[in-house]
Amino acid sequence: MRRAQKLRTVSFSSDDQPLAGRFVEGHVVAVAPGGKARFCDEAGVATEVRVPRHVDKRWLAAAVALAPVPAIALHPDDIPSPVLWCVFSAPEHEPLDEHFRIDARTVELSANESIQIRTGKSVITVTAAGEVRVRGKNITSRASNLNRIRGGAVKIN
């Protein structure tokens, strides 16, 4: 697992001057298929802004379908296209918080003591000591080939 790196200043020019520009408050009112968003500032001026990778475009498109999304855009002085800096969930967007989905080749969770997945009365717990506990009303194990149960000792009932 890769460790987090120390944050460092990023500059867009050869000299290490901080990025100059202005932050503008407003709302995202539409998301284009190409990955840009339509941002309206408080004065009602609409601008096409780039959507950075840390903003989930699928969530943003779904949220905009419900209501405009409060946001802040960065308008750099030396760069022609503004960037969506951050977005804020409004009360109208609560229905989107009911689902969480990750699409990735590999998902890695790491904890010092344990990881627990719980829904209703079902629980899966993995501990640092090497224990894996699965609890539920009914537990099904299926395999298209051999389904093997191995251990130093296997106790059934």
C-alpha atoms as a PDB file:
ATOM      1  CA  MET A   1       0.000   0.000   0.000  1.00  0.00           C
ATOM      2  CA  ARG A   2       1.327   3.419  -0.903  1.00  0.00           C
ATOM      3  CA  ARG A   3       1.778   5.914   1.907  1.00  0.00           C
ATOM      4  CA  ALA A   4       0.411   9.443   1.673  1.00  0.00           C
ATOM      5  CA  GLN A   5       3.005  11.899   0.502  1.00  0.00           C
ATOM      6  CA  LYS A   6       3.639  15.264   2.061  1.00  0.00           C
ATOM      7  CA  LEU A   7       1.693  18.010   0.268  1.00  0.00           C
ATOM      8  CA  ARG A   8       3.743  20.480  -1.701  1.00  0.00           C
ATOM      9  CA  THR A   9       3.076  23.732  -3.491  1.00  0.00           C
ATOM     10  CA  VAL A  10       2.221  23.430  -7.160  1.00  0.00           C
ATOM     11  CA  SER A  11       3.026  26.211  -9.583  1.00  0.00           C
ATOM     12  CA  PHE A  12       2.107  26.553 -13.228  1.00  0.00           C
ATOM     13  CA  SER A  13       5.117  28.591 -14.283  1.00  0.00           C
ATOM     14  CA  SER A  14       8.869  28.106 -14.210  1.00  0.00           C
ATOM     15  CA  ASP A  15       9.312  30.516 -11.304  1.00  0.00           C
ATOM     16  CA  ASP A  16       7.836  29.315  -8.027  1.00  0.00           C
ATOM     17  CA  GLN A  17       5.241  32.060  -7.655  1.00  0.00           C
ATOM     18  CA  PRO A  18       1.917  31.024  -6.076  1.00  0.00           C
ATOM     19  CA  LEU A  19      -1.064  30.677  -8.387  1.00  0.00           C
ATOM     20  CA  ALA A  20      -2.830  34.024  -8.698  1.00  0.00           C
ATOM     21  CA  GLY A  21      -6.536  34.274  -9.327  1.00  0.00           C
ATOM     22  CA  ARG A  22      -9.895  34.688  -7.684  1.00  0.00           C
ATOM     23  CA  PHE A  23     -12.393  32.333  -6.092  1.00  0.00           C
ATOM     24  CA  VAL A  24     -16.022  32.793  -7.086  1.00  0.00           C
ATOM     25  CA  GLU A  25     -19.054  31.389  -5.258  1.00  0.00           C
ATOM     26  CA  GLY A  26     -22.015  30.141  -7.253  1.00  0.00           C
ATOM     27  CA  HIS A  27     -23.817  26.994  -8.420  1.00  0.00           C
ATOM     28  CA  VAL A  28     -23.181  24.200 -10.904  1.00  0.00           C
ATOM     29  CA  VAL A  29     -26.312  24.037 -13.066  1.00  0.00           C
ATOM     30  CA  ALA A  30     -25.315  21.481 -15.717  1.00  0.00           C
ATOM     31  CA  VAL A  31     -22.667  18.874 -16.520  1.00  0.00           C
ATOM     32  CA  ALA A  32     -21.605  18.359 -20.141  1.00  0.00           C
ATOM     33  CA  PRO A  33     -20.747  14.869 -21.452  1.00  0.00           C
ATOM     34  CA  GLY A  34     -17.156  16.021 -22.114  1.00  0.00           C
ATOM     35  CA  GLY A  35     -16.482  16.521 -18.416  1.00  0.00           C
ATOM     36  CA  LYS A  36     -16.966  20.279 -18.156  1.00  0.00           C
ATOM     37  CA  ALA A  37     -19.624  21.885 -15.995  1.00  0.00           C
ATOM     38  CA  ARG A  38     -21.724  25.003 -16.384  1.00  0.00           C
ATOM     39  CA  PHE A  39     -21.113  27.281 -13.402  1.00  0.00           C
ATOM     40  CA  CYS A  40     -23.293  30.314 -12.593  1.00  0.00           C
ATOM     41  CA  ASP A  41     -21.856  32.842 -10.178  1.00  0.00           C
ATOM     42  CA  GLU A  42     -23.952  34.882  -7.742  1.00  0.00           C
ATOM     43  CA  ALA A  43     -24.385  37.627 -10.346  1.00  0.00           C
ATOM     44  CA  GLY A  44     -25.914  35.092 -12.771  1.00  0.00           C
ATOM     45  CA  VAL A  45     -22.938  34.973 -15.159  1.00  0.00           C
ATOM     46  CA  ALA A  46     -22.550  31.457 -16.621  1.00  0.00           C
ATOM     47  CA  THR A  47     -19.088  29.994 -17.309  1.00  0.00           C
ATOM     48  CA  GLU A  48     -17.799  26.641 -18.547  1.00  0.00           C
ATOM     49  CA  VAL A  49     -15.446  25.228 -15.898  1.00  0.00           C
ATOM     50  CA  ARG A  50     -13.196  22.187 -15.900  1.00  0.00           C
ATOM     51  CA  VAL A  51     -14.125  19.513 -13.359  1.00  0.00           C
ATOM     52  CA  PRO A  52     -11.066  18.175 -11.480  1.00  0.00           C
ATOM     53  CA  ARG A  53     -10.551  14.506 -10.789  1.00  0.00           C
ATOM     54  CA  HIS A  54     -11.368  14.761  -7.079  1.00  0.00           C
ATOM     55  CA  VAL A  55     -14.962  15.745  -7.932  1.00  0.00           C
ATOM     56  CA  ASP A  56     -17.087  12.719  -8.899  1.00  0.00           C
ATOM     57  CA  LYS A  57     -18.679  13.665 -12.222  1.00  0.00           C
ATOM     58  CA  ARG A  58     -21.386  10.993 -11.892  1.00  0.00           C
ATOM     59  CA  TRP A  59     -22.449  12.315  -8.491  1.00  0.00           C
ATOM     60  CA  LEU A  60     -22.328  15.881  -9.783  1.00  0.00           C
ATOM     61  CA  ALA A  61     -24.532  15.047 -12.799  1.00  0.00           C
ATOM     62  CA  ALA A  62     -27.042  13.235 -10.573  1.00  0.00           C
ATOM     63  CA  ALA A  63     -27.054  16.096  -8.060  1.00  0.00           C
ATOM     64  CA  VAL A  64     -27.581  18.736 -10.763  1.00  0.00           C
ATOM     65  CA  ALA A  65     -30.593  16.752 -11.993  1.00  0.00           C
ATOM     66  CA  LEU A  66     -32.164  17.287  -8.549  1.00  0.00           C
ATOM     67  CA  ALA A  67     -31.134  20.902  -7.917  1.00  0.00           C
ATOM     68  CA  PRO A  68     -28.259  23.326  -8.618  1.00  0.00           C
ATOM     69  CA  VAL A  69     -25.147  22.381  -6.636  1.00  0.00           C
ATOM     70  CA  PRO A  70     -23.476  25.080  -4.502  1.00  0.00           C
ATOM     71  CA  ALA A  71     -19.822  25.353  -5.522  1.00  0.00           C
ATOM     72  CA  ILE A  72     -16.708  27.508  -5.667  1.00  0.00           C
ATOM     73  CA  ALA A  73     -14.764  28.025  -8.893  1.00  0.00           C
ATOM     74  CA  LEU A  74     -11.175  29.188  -9.259  1.00  0.00           C
ATOM     75  CA  HIS A  75     -10.512  31.705 -12.032  1.00  0.00           C
ATOM     76  CA  PRO A  76      -6.690  31.779 -12.405  1.00  0.00           C
ATOM     77  CA  ASP A  77      -5.182  34.971 -13.825  1.00  0.00           C
ATOM     78  CA  ASP A  78      -2.832  33.313 -16.342  1.00  0.00           C
ATOM     79  CA  ILE A  79      -4.930  30.284 -17.353  1.00  0.00           C
ATOM     80  CA  PRO A  80      -7.883  30.841 -19.710  1.00  0.00           C
ATOM     81  CA  SER A  81     -10.261  28.161 -18.419  1.00  0.00           C
ATOM     82  CA  PRO A  82     -11.546  28.287 -14.831  1.00  0.00           C
ATOM     83  CA  VAL A  83     -11.593  25.207 -12.600  1.00  0.00           C
ATOM     84  CA  LEU A  84     -14.342  23.905 -10.333  1.00  0.00           C
ATOM     85  CA  TRP A  85     -12.612  24.099  -6.951  1.00  0.00           C
ATOM     86  CA  CYS A  86     -15.127  22.423  -4.641  1.00  0.00           C
ATOM     87  CA  VAL A  87     -18.795  21.435  -4.427  1.00  0.00           C
ATOM     88  CA  PHE A  88     -21.189  21.314  -1.485  1.00  0.00           C
ATOM     89  CA  SER A  89     -24.121  18.997  -0.974  1.00  0.00           C
ATOM     90  CA  ALA A  90     -27.388  20.820  -0.239  1.00  0.00           C
ATOM     91  CA  PRO A  91     -30.392  19.349   1.606  1.00  0.00           C
ATOM     92  CA  GLU A  92     -32.033  18.660  -1.792  1.00  0.00           C
ATOM     93  CA  HIS A  93     -29.197  16.220  -2.572  1.00  0.00           C
ATOM     94  CA  GLU A  94     -29.807  13.920   0.432  1.00  0.00           C
ATOM     95  CA  PRO A  95     -31.390  11.156  -1.706  1.00  0.00           C
ATOM     96  CA  LEU A  96     -27.979  10.740  -3.403  1.00  0.00           C
ATOM     97  CA  ASP A  97     -26.352   9.896  -0.059  1.00  0.00           C
ATOM     98  CA  GLU A  98     -28.294   6.628   0.206  1.00  0.00           C
ATOM     99  CA  HIS A  99     -25.932   4.785  -2.153  1.00  0.00           C
ATOM    100  CA  PHE A 100     -22.175   4.545  -2.304  1.00  0.00           C
ATOM    101  CA  ARG A 101     -20.406   2.833  -5.176  1.00  0.00           C
ATOM    102  CA  ILE A 102     -16.757   2.267  -5.984  1.00  0.00           C
ATOM    103  CA  ASP A 103     -15.648   1.209  -9.457  1.00  0.00           C
ATOM    104  CA  ALA A 104     -12.010   0.202  -9.414  1.00  0.00           C
ATOM    105  CA  ARG A 105      -9.717  -2.642 -10.357  1.00  0.00           C
ATOM    106  CA  THR A 106      -8.640  -3.072  -6.755  1.00  0.00           C
ATOM    107  CA  VAL A 107     -10.087  -1.655  -3.553  1.00  0.00           C
ATOM    108  CA  GLU A 108      -7.890  -1.801  -0.480  1.00  0.00           C
ATOM    109  CA  LEU A 109      -9.094  -1.055   3.028  1.00  0.00           C
ATOM    110  CA  SER A 110      -6.567  -0.844   5.815  1.00  0.00           C
ATOM    111  CA  ALA A 111      -7.034  -0.579   9.580  1.00  0.00           C
ATOM    112  CA  ASN A 112      -4.817  -1.051  12.640  1.00  0.00           C
ATOM    113  CA  GLU A 113      -7.334  -3.139  14.627  1.00  0.00           C
ATOM    114  CA  SER A 114     -10.321  -4.304  12.585  1.00  0.00           C
ATOM    115  CA  ILE A 115     -12.630  -3.698   9.648  1.00  0.00           C
ATOM    116  CA  GLN A 116     -16.330  -4.307  10.038  1.00  0.00           C
ATOM    117  CA  ILE A 117     -19.051  -4.424   7.393  1.00  0.00           C
ATOM    118  CA  ARG A 118     -22.544  -4.300   8.854  1.00  0.00           C
ATOM    119  CA  THR A 119     -26.018  -4.225   7.347  1.00  0.00           C
ATOM    120  CA  GLY A 120     -29.031  -5.002   9.510  1.00  0.00           C
ATOM    121  CA  LYS A 121     -28.230  -8.070  11.630  1.00  0.00           C
ATOM    122  CA  SER A 122     -25.464  -9.308   9.288  1.00  0.00           C
ATOM    123  CA  VAL A 123     -21.822  -8.584  10.158  1.00  0.00           C
ATOM    124  CA  ILE A 124     -18.442  -9.422   8.619  1.00  0.00           C
ATOM    125  CA  THR A 125     -15.465  -8.603  10.857  1.00  0.00           C
ATOM    126  CA  VAL A 126     -11.780  -8.921   9.981  1.00  0.00           C
ATOM    127  CA  THR A 127      -9.284  -8.355  12.803  1.00  0.00           C
ATOM    128  CA  ALA A 128      -5.571  -7.658  12.890  1.00  0.00           C
ATOM    129  CA  ALA A 129      -5.099 -10.913  14.841  1.00  0.00           C
ATOM    130  CA  GLY A 130      -6.156 -12.848  11.735  1.00  0.00           C
ATOM    131  CA  GLU A 131      -9.754 -13.624  12.689  1.00  0.00           C
ATOM    132  CA  VAL A 132     -12.544 -13.427  10.134  1.00  0.00           C
ATOM    133  CA  ARG A 133     -16.055 -13.606  11.574  1.00  0.00           C
ATOM    134  CA  VAL A 134     -19.210 -13.854   9.473  1.00  0.00           C
ATOM    135  CA  ARG A 135     -22.559 -13.601  11.266  1.00  0.00           C
ATOM    136  CA  GLY A 136     -25.991 -13.722   9.711  1.00  0.00           C
ATOM    137  CA  LYS A 137     -29.337 -15.482   9.697  1.00  0.00           C
ATOM    138  CA  ASN A 138     -28.412 -17.553   6.634  1.00  0.00           C
ATOM    139  CA  ILE A 139     -24.915 -17.894   5.165  1.00  0.00           C
ATOM    140  CA  THR A 140     -24.444 -19.396   1.719  1.00  0.00           C
ATOM    141  CA  SER A 141     -21.170 -20.550   0.220  1.00  0.00           C
ATOM    142  CA  ARG A 142     -21.118 -21.577  -3.443  1.00  0.00           C
ATOM    143  CA  ALA A 143     -18.402 -22.669  -5.819  1.00  0.00           C
ATOM    144  CA  SER A 144     -18.474 -23.783  -9.450  1.00  0.00           C
ATOM    145  CA  ASN A 145     -15.602 -26.155  -8.659  1.00  0.00           C
ATOM    146  CA  LEU A 146     -14.473 -27.592  -5.334  1.00  0.00           C
ATOM    147  CA  ASN A 147     -15.753 -25.799  -2.213  1.00  0.00           C
ATOM    148  CA  ARG A 148     -13.122 -26.541   0.428  1.00  0.00           C
ATOM    149  CA  ILE A 149     -13.185 -25.946   4.186  1.00  0.00           C
ATOM    150  CA  ARG A 150      -9.706 -26.155   5.696  1.00  0.00           C
ATOM    151  CA  GLY A 151      -8.350 -25.459   9.141  1.00  0.00           C
ATOM    152  CA  GLY A 152      -6.289 -26.833  12.000  1.00  0.00           C
ATOM    153  CA  ALA A 153      -9.605 -28.154  13.298  1.00  0.00           C
ATOM    154  CA  VAL A 154     -13.020 -27.884  11.672  1.00  0.00           C
ATOM    155  CA  LYS A 155     -16.046 -27.908  13.956  1.00  0.00           C
ATOM    156  CA  ILE A 156     -19.561 -28.184  12.540  1.00  0.00           C
ATOM    157  CA  ASN A 157     -22.272 -27.414  15.117  1.00  0.00           C
END
